Amino acid sequence: MKTKTILKSLIIAIIMLAGSLQADAQENQKKSIFGIANRIGLGVGAGTEGIGIDVATPLSRYVHASFGVNIMPDIKINTTATATIEELGQDEEIDITGGIGRTTFNLKFDCYPFPNSSSFFVTAGFSFGGDKLIKITGHSDELAALVAQGKDAGIEIGEYNIPVDENGDVNGGVKVKNFRPYLGLGFGRMIPKKRVAVRFEMGAQFHGKPVIYADGVGDLQKVVGQDPDDDISKILDYVKVYPVIKLSIRGRIL
């Protein structure tokens, strides 16, 4: 319900912004120079960034700019993890939930090398917000009792150990940089020549090396002695980009 409410509010805000831009563009259309900001486009799409909506305007015949928001549905996966109690030298199983829901914003600039004959474009810009790529939560009453006795407990994620707090809760996950440069290409105009058109885009956000974090602790360090060849650590070491594939419906409102 919370995600639906946020998405509804953001869509209303962007539509209101588009309406304001349309009114301004109509008032200044005759005064515009080289076609700057004399048209407004609105797009709704879906892809690996989630469900997105944006507004766009031309900066010249060759370059269009857009600002948008993407909401990734909070899809959850339930599993178990091993919790280690170091002082006792024993392990306990704990139920955990992983979620991928997040909200990101982006500013992009599309360049159309052949504006009169082709809708091919290359795009550059950046995304920001939504730095928590995966959120992990869990709880164990047994571990809460042990932590209350002064024992240290935590769940193992690859070479990392996310601590269990005094309430028996685990809160952490995987995060990336909050500011992420973006490059991509595709076909379709931000502001279609007709009223409605389709746009396809693919590219990559450069989010740097992902890190394991824990709420109240921050970024975690690798635990000495853990297996350095586990798959999770390999993924964190080498996957430094987030792939973007997006299909959207574009509309020209001016």
C-alpha atoms as a PDB file:
ATOM      1  CA  MET A   1       0.000   0.000   0.000  1.00  0.00           C
ATOM      2  CA  LYS A   2       2.854   2.357   0.839  1.00  0.00           C
ATOM      3  CA  THR A   3       4.501   1.834  -2.570  1.00  0.00           C
ATOM      4  CA  LYS A   4       1.187   2.396  -4.377  1.00  0.00           C
ATOM      5  CA  THR A   5       0.620   5.625  -2.427  1.00  0.00           C
ATOM      6  CA  ILE A   6       4.121   6.926  -3.219  1.00  0.00           C
ATOM      7  CA  LEU A   7       3.746   6.018  -6.905  1.00  0.00           C
ATOM      8  CA  LYS A   8       0.344   7.716  -7.117  1.00  0.00           C
ATOM      9  CA  SER A   9       1.698  10.896  -5.485  1.00  0.00           C
ATOM     10  CA  LEU A  10       4.731  11.018  -7.779  1.00  0.00           C
ATOM     11  CA  ILE A  11       2.614  10.466 -10.897  1.00  0.00           C
ATOM     12  CA  ILE A  12       0.275  13.290  -9.862  1.00  0.00           C
ATOM     13  CA  ALA A  13       3.261  15.566  -9.186  1.00  0.00           C
ATOM     14  CA  ILE A  14       4.860  14.858 -12.564  1.00  0.00           C
ATOM     15  CA  ILE A  15       1.558  15.331 -14.409  1.00  0.00           C
ATOM     16  CA  MET A  16       1.092  18.676 -12.636  1.00  0.00           C
ATOM     17  CA  LEU A  17       4.657  19.611 -13.604  1.00  0.00           C
ATOM     18  CA  ALA A  18       3.954  18.599 -17.203  1.00  0.00           C
ATOM     19  CA  GLY A  19       0.827  20.764 -17.204  1.00  0.00           C
ATOM     20  CA  SER A  20       2.790  23.720 -15.868  1.00  0.00           C
ATOM     21  CA  LEU A  21       5.518  23.216 -18.468  1.00  0.00           C
ATOM     22  CA  GLN A  22       2.895  22.957 -21.199  1.00  0.00           C
ATOM     23  CA  ALA A  23       1.322  26.261 -20.177  1.00  0.00           C
ATOM     24  CA  ASP A  24       4.715  27.967 -20.068  1.00  0.00           C
ATOM     25  CA  ALA A  25       5.703  26.500 -23.413  1.00  0.00           C
ATOM     26  CA  GLN A  26       2.475  27.643 -25.068  1.00  0.00           C
ATOM     27  CA  GLU A  27       2.996  31.156 -23.727  1.00  0.00           C
ATOM     28  CA  ASN A  28       6.610  31.303 -24.884  1.00  0.00           C
ATOM     29  CA  GLN A  29       6.412  29.205 -28.026  1.00  0.00           C
ATOM     30  CA  LYS A  30       6.810  32.134 -30.374  1.00  0.00           C
ATOM     31  CA  LYS A  31       9.743  33.420 -28.337  1.00  0.00           C
ATOM     32  CA  SER A  32      11.667  30.136 -28.235  1.00  0.00           C
ATOM     33  CA  ILE A  33      15.050  30.056 -29.956  1.00  0.00           C
ATOM     34  CA  PHE A  34      16.183  27.034 -31.995  1.00  0.00           C
ATOM     35  CA  GLY A  35      13.252  24.990 -30.645  1.00  0.00           C
ATOM     36  CA  ILE A  36      14.401  25.084 -27.024  1.00  0.00           C
ATOM     37  CA  ALA A  37      11.630  24.001 -24.592  1.00  0.00           C
ATOM     38  CA  ASN A  38       8.879  24.589 -27.174  1.00  0.00           C
ATOM     39  CA  ARG A  39       7.473  21.047 -26.854  1.00  0.00           C
ATOM     40  CA  ILE A  40       6.665  18.762 -23.929  1.00  0.00           C
ATOM     41  CA  GLY A  41       6.657  14.979 -23.859  1.00  0.00           C
ATOM     42  CA  LEU A  42       5.398  12.554 -21.219  1.00  0.00           C
ATOM     43  CA  GLY A  43       6.480   8.930 -20.929  1.00  0.00           C
ATOM     44  CA  VAL A  44       5.346   5.898 -18.939  1.00  0.00           C
ATOM     45  CA  GLY A  45       7.346   2.683 -19.061  1.00  0.00           C
ATOM     46  CA  ALA A  46       8.628  -0.419 -17.334  1.00  0.00           C
ATOM     47  CA  GLY A  47      11.904  -2.284 -17.207  1.00  0.00           C
ATOM     48  CA  THR A  48      14.769  -3.297 -14.964  1.00  0.00           C
ATOM     49  CA  GLU A  49      14.508  -0.003 -13.049  1.00  0.00           C
ATOM     50  CA  GLY A  50      10.858  -0.701 -12.240  1.00  0.00           C
ATOM     51  CA  ILE A  51       7.830   1.337 -13.275  1.00  0.00           C
ATOM     52  CA  GLY A  52       8.782   4.810 -14.490  1.00  0.00           C
ATOM     53  CA  ILE A  53       7.284   8.120 -15.525  1.00  0.00           C
ATOM     54  CA  ASP A  54       9.076  11.188 -16.884  1.00  0.00           C
ATOM     55  CA  VAL A  55       8.674  14.529 -18.615  1.00  0.00           C
ATOM     56  CA  ALA A  56      10.894  15.702 -21.486  1.00  0.00           C
ATOM     57  CA  THR A  57      11.625  18.818 -23.494  1.00  0.00           C
ATOM     58  CA  PRO A  58      14.023  19.629 -26.372  1.00  0.00           C
ATOM     59  CA  LEU A  59      17.202  21.616 -25.863  1.00  0.00           C
ATOM     60  CA  SER A  60      17.886  21.680 -29.616  1.00  0.00           C
ATOM     61  CA  ARG A  61      17.051  19.654 -32.722  1.00  0.00           C
ATOM     62  CA  TYR A  62      19.704  17.152 -31.681  1.00  0.00           C
ATOM     63  CA  VAL A  63      19.347  16.986 -27.890  1.00  0.00           C
ATOM     64  CA  HIS A  64      16.327  16.287 -25.671  1.00  0.00           C
ATOM     65  CA  ALA A  65      16.348  16.299 -21.866  1.00  0.00           C
ATOM     66  CA  SER A  66      14.146  14.377 -19.442  1.00  0.00           C
ATOM     67  CA  PHE A  67      13.611  14.053 -15.710  1.00  0.00           C
ATOM     68  CA  GLY A  68      11.884  10.998 -14.287  1.00  0.00           C
ATOM     69  CA  VAL A  69      11.212   8.717 -11.357  1.00  0.00           C
ATOM     70  CA  ASN A  70      11.300   4.911 -11.205  1.00  0.00           C
ATOM     71  CA  ILE A  71       9.701   2.726  -8.550  1.00  0.00           C
ATOM     72  CA  MET A  72      10.803  -0.879  -8.211  1.00  0.00           C
ATOM     73  CA  PRO A  73       8.044  -3.034  -6.666  1.00  0.00           C
ATOM     74  CA  ASP A  74       9.118  -4.474  -3.318  1.00  0.00           C
ATOM     75  CA  ILE A  75       9.276  -8.110  -4.371  1.00  0.00           C
ATOM     76  CA  LYS A  76      10.252 -10.228  -1.361  1.00  0.00           C
ATOM     77  CA  ILE A  77      12.020 -13.575  -1.097  1.00  0.00           C
ATOM     78  CA  ASN A  78      11.847 -15.630   2.101  1.00  0.00           C
ATOM     79  CA  THR A  79      14.740 -17.921   3.009  1.00  0.00           C
ATOM     80  CA  THR A  80      16.936 -18.981   5.927  1.00  0.00           C
ATOM     81  CA  ALA A  81      20.453 -18.023   6.916  1.00  0.00           C
ATOM     82  CA  THR A  82      23.032 -19.334   9.353  1.00  0.00           C
ATOM     83  CA  ALA A  83      23.529 -17.219  12.461  1.00  0.00           C
ATOM     84  CA  THR A  84      26.855 -17.730  14.230  1.00  0.00           C
ATOM     85  CA  ILE A  85      27.275 -17.267  17.993  1.00  0.00           C
ATOM     86  CA  GLU A  86      31.023 -16.919  18.345  1.00  0.00           C
ATOM     87  CA  GLU A  87      31.371 -17.347  22.141  1.00  0.00           C
ATOM     88  CA  LEU A  88      29.380 -20.589  22.108  1.00  0.00           C
ATOM     89  CA  GLY A  89      30.904 -21.933  18.895  1.00  0.00           C
ATOM     90  CA  GLN A  90      27.488 -22.883  17.531  1.00  0.00           C
ATOM     91  CA  ASP A  91      25.184 -21.974  14.668  1.00  0.00           C
ATOM     92  CA  GLU A  92      21.449 -21.248  14.596  1.00  0.00           C
ATOM     93  CA  GLU A  93      19.073 -21.025  11.640  1.00  0.00           C
ATOM     94  CA  ILE A  94      17.163 -17.744  11.268  1.00  0.00           C
ATOM     95  CA  ASP A  95      14.363 -16.869   8.866  1.00  0.00           C
ATOM     96  CA  ILE A  96      15.185 -13.827   6.749  1.00  0.00           C
ATOM     97  CA  THR A  97      13.423 -11.842   4.037  1.00  0.00           C
ATOM     98  CA  GLY A  98      15.114 -10.130   1.107  1.00  0.00           C
ATOM     99  CA  GLY A  99      13.415  -7.231  -0.700  1.00  0.00           C
ATOM    100  CA  ILE A 100      14.351  -5.222  -3.800  1.00  0.00           C
ATOM    101  CA  GLY A 101      11.939  -2.298  -3.547  1.00  0.00           C
ATOM    102  CA  ARG A 102      13.454   1.151  -4.081  1.00  0.00           C
ATOM    103  CA  THR A 103      12.754   4.540  -5.682  1.00  0.00           C
ATOM    104  CA  THR A 104      15.250   6.184  -8.026  1.00  0.00           C
ATOM    105  CA  PHE A 105      15.345   9.440  -9.992  1.00  0.00           C
ATOM    106  CA  ASN A 106      17.146  10.196 -13.226  1.00  0.00           C
ATOM    107  CA  LEU A 107      18.160  13.072 -15.450  1.00  0.00           C
ATOM    108  CA  LYS A 108      18.989  12.114 -19.044  1.00  0.00           C
ATOM    109  CA  PHE A 109      20.066  13.814 -22.248  1.00  0.00           C
ATOM    110  CA  ASP A 110      19.252  12.065 -25.527  1.00  0.00           C
ATOM    111  CA  CYS A 111      21.350  12.910 -28.580  1.00  0.00           C
ATOM    112  CA  TYR A 112      19.810  12.215 -32.020  1.00  0.00           C
ATOM    113  CA  PRO A 113      22.642  12.198 -34.613  1.00  0.00           C
ATOM    114  CA  PHE A 114      20.158  12.021 -37.509  1.00  0.00           C
ATOM    115  CA  PRO A 115      17.090  13.940 -36.293  1.00  0.00           C
ATOM    116  CA  ASN A 116      15.388  14.111 -39.692  1.00  0.00           C
ATOM    117  CA  SER A 117      15.780  10.508 -40.819  1.00  0.00           C
ATOM    118  CA  SER A 118      16.113   8.271 -37.768  1.00  0.00           C
ATOM    119  CA  SER A 119      14.900   7.909 -34.162  1.00  0.00           C
ATOM    120  CA  PHE A 120      18.181   6.287 -33.088  1.00  0.00           C
ATOM    121  CA  PHE A 121      19.715   7.986 -30.044  1.00  0.00           C
ATOM    122  CA  VAL A 122      22.568   7.759 -27.580  1.00  0.00           C
ATOM    123  CA  THR A 123      21.873   8.958 -24.069  1.00  0.00           C
ATOM    124  CA  ALA A 124      23.898  10.074 -21.061  1.00  0.00           C
ATOM    125  CA  GLY A 125      22.992  11.319 -17.624  1.00  0.00           C
ATOM    126  CA  PHE A 126      22.797  10.071 -14.077  1.00  0.00           C
ATOM    127  CA  SER A 127      20.534   8.339 -11.582  1.00  0.00           C
ATOM    128  CA  PHE A 128      20.338   9.117  -7.889  1.00  0.00           C
ATOM    129  CA  GLY A 129      18.526   7.858  -4.816  1.00  0.00           C
ATOM    130  CA  GLY A 130      17.675   4.241  -4.082  1.00  0.00           C
ATOM    131  CA  ASP A 131      21.186   3.262  -3.037  1.00  0.00           C
ATOM    132  CA  LYS A 132      19.935   0.187  -1.127  1.00  0.00           C
ATOM    133  CA  LEU A 133      19.844  -2.447  -3.841  1.00  0.00           C
ATOM    134  CA  ILE A 134      18.736  -5.335  -1.608  1.00  0.00           C
ATOM    135  CA  LYS A 135      17.279  -5.090   1.900  1.00  0.00           C
ATOM    136  CA  ILE A 136      17.566  -8.027   4.313  1.00  0.00           C
ATOM    137  CA  THR A 137      15.460  -8.365   7.461  1.00  0.00           C
ATOM    138  CA  GLY A 138      15.031 -11.173   9.967  1.00  0.00           C
ATOM    139  CA  HIS A 139      14.194 -11.980  13.576  1.00  0.00           C
ATOM    140  CA  SER A 140      14.902 -14.677  16.135  1.00  0.00           C
ATOM    141  CA  ASP A 141      13.684 -14.781  19.752  1.00  0.00           C
ATOM    142  CA  GLU A 142      16.396 -17.328  20.617  1.00  0.00           C
ATOM    143  CA  LEU A 143      19.142 -15.027  19.348  1.00  0.00           C
ATOM    144  CA  ALA A 144      17.582 -12.081  21.192  1.00  0.00           C
ATOM    145  CA  ALA A 145      17.932 -14.033  24.439  1.00  0.00           C
ATOM    146  CA  LEU A 146      21.576 -14.822  23.711  1.00  0.00           C
ATOM    147  CA  VAL A 147      22.413 -11.226  22.778  1.00  0.00           C
ATOM    148  CA  ALA A 148      20.743 -10.110  26.049  1.00  0.00           C
ATOM    149  CA  GLN A 149      23.288 -12.336  27.839  1.00  0.00           C
ATOM    150  CA  GLY A 150      26.128 -10.443  26.183  1.00  0.00           C
ATOM    151  CA  LYS A 151      26.735 -12.877  23.338  1.00  0.00           C
ATOM    152  CA  ASP A 152      27.613 -11.682  19.830  1.00  0.00           C
ATOM    153  CA  ALA A 153      25.584 -13.147  16.974  1.00  0.00           C
ATOM    154  CA  GLY A 154      25.316 -12.429  13.271  1.00  0.00           C
ATOM    155  CA  ILE A 155      24.261 -13.982   9.975  1.00  0.00           C
ATOM    156  CA  GLU A 156      26.847 -14.897   7.373  1.00  0.00           C
ATOM    157  CA  ILE A 157      26.528 -13.344   3.920  1.00  0.00           C
ATOM    158  CA  GLY A 158      29.541 -14.500   1.943  1.00  0.00           C
ATOM    159  CA  GLU A 159      32.618 -13.105   3.696  1.00  0.00           C
ATOM    160  CA  TYR A 160      30.506 -10.704   5.755  1.00  0.00           C
ATOM    161  CA  ASN A 161      28.680 -10.945   9.061  1.00  0.00           C
ATOM    162  CA  ILE A 162      25.518  -8.866   9.618  1.00  0.00           C
ATOM    163  CA  PRO A 163      25.070  -8.504  13.395  1.00  0.00           C
ATOM    164  CA  VAL A 164      21.912  -9.406  15.283  1.00  0.00           C
ATOM    165  CA  ASP A 165      20.796  -6.535  17.537  1.00  0.00           C
ATOM    166  CA  GLU A 166      19.520  -6.653  21.123  1.00  0.00           C
ATOM    167  CA  ASN A 167      15.963  -7.272  19.878  1.00  0.00           C
ATOM    168  CA  GLY A 168      16.996 -10.301  17.868  1.00  0.00           C
ATOM    169  CA  ASP A 169      16.558  -8.399  14.609  1.00  0.00           C
ATOM    170  CA  VAL A 170      18.731  -8.412  11.505  1.00  0.00           C
ATOM    171  CA  ASN A 171      18.557  -5.308   9.288  1.00  0.00           C
ATOM    172  CA  GLY A 172      21.005  -4.836   6.469  1.00  0.00           C
ATOM    173  CA  GLY A 173      21.612  -5.690   2.860  1.00  0.00           C
ATOM    174  CA  VAL A 174      23.519  -4.628  -0.235  1.00  0.00           C
ATOM    175  CA  LYS A 175      23.942  -1.018  -1.272  1.00  0.00           C
ATOM    176  CA  VAL A 176      25.614   0.905  -4.097  1.00  0.00           C
ATOM    177  CA  LYS A 177      26.572   4.523  -4.764  1.00  0.00           C
ATOM    178  CA  ASN A 178      23.775   7.044  -4.342  1.00  0.00           C
ATOM    179  CA  PHE A 179      24.918   8.950  -7.489  1.00  0.00           C
ATOM    180  CA  ARG A 180      25.335   6.757 -10.561  1.00  0.00           C
ATOM    181  CA  PRO A 181      26.457   7.948 -14.041  1.00  0.00           C
ATOM    182  CA  TYR A 182      24.479   6.466 -16.916  1.00  0.00           C
ATOM    183  CA  LEU A 183      25.116   5.673 -20.601  1.00  0.00           C
ATOM    184  CA  GLY A 184      22.746   4.049 -23.059  1.00  0.00           C
ATOM    185  CA  LEU A 185      21.259   3.913 -26.556  1.00  0.00           C
ATOM    186  CA  GLY A 186      18.040   2.951 -28.261  1.00  0.00           C
ATOM    187  CA  PHE A 187      15.284   3.864 -30.694  1.00  0.00           C
ATOM    188  CA  GLY A 188      12.345   6.200 -30.231  1.00  0.00           C
ATOM    189  CA  ARG A 189      11.989   9.876 -29.482  1.00  0.00           C
ATOM    190  CA  MET A 190      11.426  11.391 -26.063  1.00  0.00           C
ATOM    191  CA  ILE A 191       8.980  13.733 -27.786  1.00  0.00           C
ATOM    192  CA  PRO A 192       7.363  11.846 -30.676  1.00  0.00           C
ATOM    193  CA  LYS A 193       6.474  13.520 -33.939  1.00  0.00           C
ATOM    194  CA  LYS A 194       3.035  11.932 -33.654  1.00  0.00           C
ATOM    195  CA  ARG A 195       0.903  12.096 -30.537  1.00  0.00           C
ATOM    196  CA  VAL A 196       1.914   8.636 -29.275  1.00  0.00           C
ATOM    197  CA  ALA A 197       4.939   6.426 -29.974  1.00  0.00           C
ATOM    198  CA  VAL A 198       7.044   3.634 -28.473  1.00  0.00           C
ATOM    199  CA  ARG A 199      10.605   4.039 -27.196  1.00  0.00           C
ATOM    200  CA  PHE A 200      13.152   1.283 -26.442  1.00  0.00           C
ATOM    201  CA  GLU A 201      16.290   1.915 -24.418  1.00  0.00           C
ATOM    202  CA  MET A 202      19.161  -0.139 -23.058  1.00  0.00           C
ATOM    203  CA  GLY A 203      22.185   0.951 -21.091  1.00  0.00           C
ATOM    204  CA  ALA A 204      24.002   0.750 -17.770  1.00  0.00           C
ATOM    205  CA  GLN A 205      24.217   2.608 -14.489  1.00  0.00           C
ATOM    206  CA  PHE A 206      27.770   2.688 -13.131  1.00  0.00           C
ATOM    207  CA  HIS A 207      27.123   2.095  -9.449  1.00  0.00           C
ATOM    208  CA  GLY A 208      30.612   1.027  -8.342  1.00  0.00           C
ATOM    209  CA  LYS A 209      31.382  -1.967  -6.158  1.00  0.00           C
ATOM    210  CA  PRO A 210      28.354  -3.037  -4.059  1.00  0.00           C
ATOM    211  CA  VAL A 211      28.917  -3.253  -0.311  1.00  0.00           C
ATOM    212  CA  ILE A 212      27.231  -5.107   2.546  1.00  0.00           C
ATOM    213  CA  TYR A 213      25.747  -2.804   5.198  1.00  0.00           C
ATOM    214  CA  ALA A 214      23.926  -3.119   8.510  1.00  0.00           C
ATOM    215  CA  ASP A 215      21.553  -0.535   9.986  1.00  0.00           C
ATOM    216  CA  GLY A 216      23.196   1.254  12.892  1.00  0.00           C
ATOM    217  CA  VAL A 217      26.624  -0.064  11.878  1.00  0.00           C
ATOM    218  CA  GLY A 218      27.215   1.127   8.323  1.00  0.00           C
ATOM    219  CA  ASP A 219      29.416  -0.585   5.751  1.00  0.00           C
ATOM    220  CA  LEU A 220      30.761  -3.934   6.938  1.00  0.00           C
ATOM    221  CA  GLN A 221      34.266  -5.311   6.548  1.00  0.00           C
ATOM    222  CA  LYS A 222      35.103  -8.807   5.394  1.00  0.00           C
ATOM    223  CA  VAL A 223      35.482 -11.345   8.195  1.00  0.00           C
ATOM    224  CA  VAL A 224      38.991 -12.780   8.387  1.00  0.00           C
ATOM    225  CA  GLY A 225      38.968 -16.550   7.992  1.00  0.00           C
ATOM    226  CA  GLN A 226      35.810 -16.827   5.913  1.00  0.00           C
ATOM    227  CA  ASP A 227      35.880 -18.636   2.570  1.00  0.00           C
ATOM    228  CA  PRO A 228      37.237 -16.090   0.027  1.00  0.00           C
ATOM    229  CA  ASP A 229      35.870 -18.090  -2.927  1.00  0.00           C
ATOM    230  CA  ASP A 230      32.156 -17.848  -2.179  1.00  0.00           C
ATOM    231  CA  ASP A 231      29.843 -16.757  -5.010  1.00  0.00           C
ATOM    232  CA  ILE A 232      28.425 -13.715  -3.193  1.00  0.00           C
ATOM    233  CA  SER A 233      31.836 -12.119  -2.696  1.00  0.00           C
ATOM    234  CA  LYS A 234      32.697 -12.729  -6.340  1.00  0.00           C
ATOM    235  CA  ILE A 235      29.494 -10.984  -7.416  1.00  0.00           C
ATOM    236  CA  LEU A 236      30.191  -7.991  -5.167  1.00  0.00           C
ATOM    237  CA  ASP A 237      33.762  -7.722  -6.476  1.00  0.00           C
ATOM    238  CA  TYR A 238      32.918  -7.789 -10.185  1.00  0.00           C
ATOM    239  CA  VAL A 239      29.367  -6.570 -10.760  1.00  0.00           C
ATOM    240  CA  LYS A 240      29.884  -2.803 -10.821  1.00  0.00           C
ATOM    241  CA  VAL A 241      27.142  -1.820 -13.269  1.00  0.00           C
ATOM    242  CA  TYR A 242      23.362  -2.123 -13.174  1.00  0.00           C
ATOM    243  CA  PRO A 243      21.836  -3.108 -16.545  1.00  0.00           C
ATOM    244  CA  VAL A 244      18.956  -0.982 -17.779  1.00  0.00           C
ATOM    245  CA  ILE A 245      16.377  -2.214 -20.294  1.00  0.00           C
ATOM    246  CA  LYS A 246      13.243  -0.151 -20.676  1.00  0.00           C
ATOM    247  CA  LEU A 247      10.204  -0.010 -22.940  1.00  0.00           C
ATOM    248  CA  SER A 248       7.993   3.056 -22.691  1.00  0.00           C
ATOM    249  CA  ILE A 249       4.987   4.682 -24.272  1.00  0.00           C
ATOM    250  CA  ARG A 250       5.674   8.306 -25.206  1.00  0.00           C
ATOM    251  CA  GLY A 251       3.088  11.026 -25.651  1.00  0.00           C
ATOM    252  CA  ARG A 252       3.428  14.561 -26.986  1.00  0.00           C
ATOM    253  CA  ILE A 253       1.247  16.946 -25.005  1.00  0.00           C
ATOM    254  CA  LEU A 254       2.385  20.046 -26.915  1.00  0.00           C
END
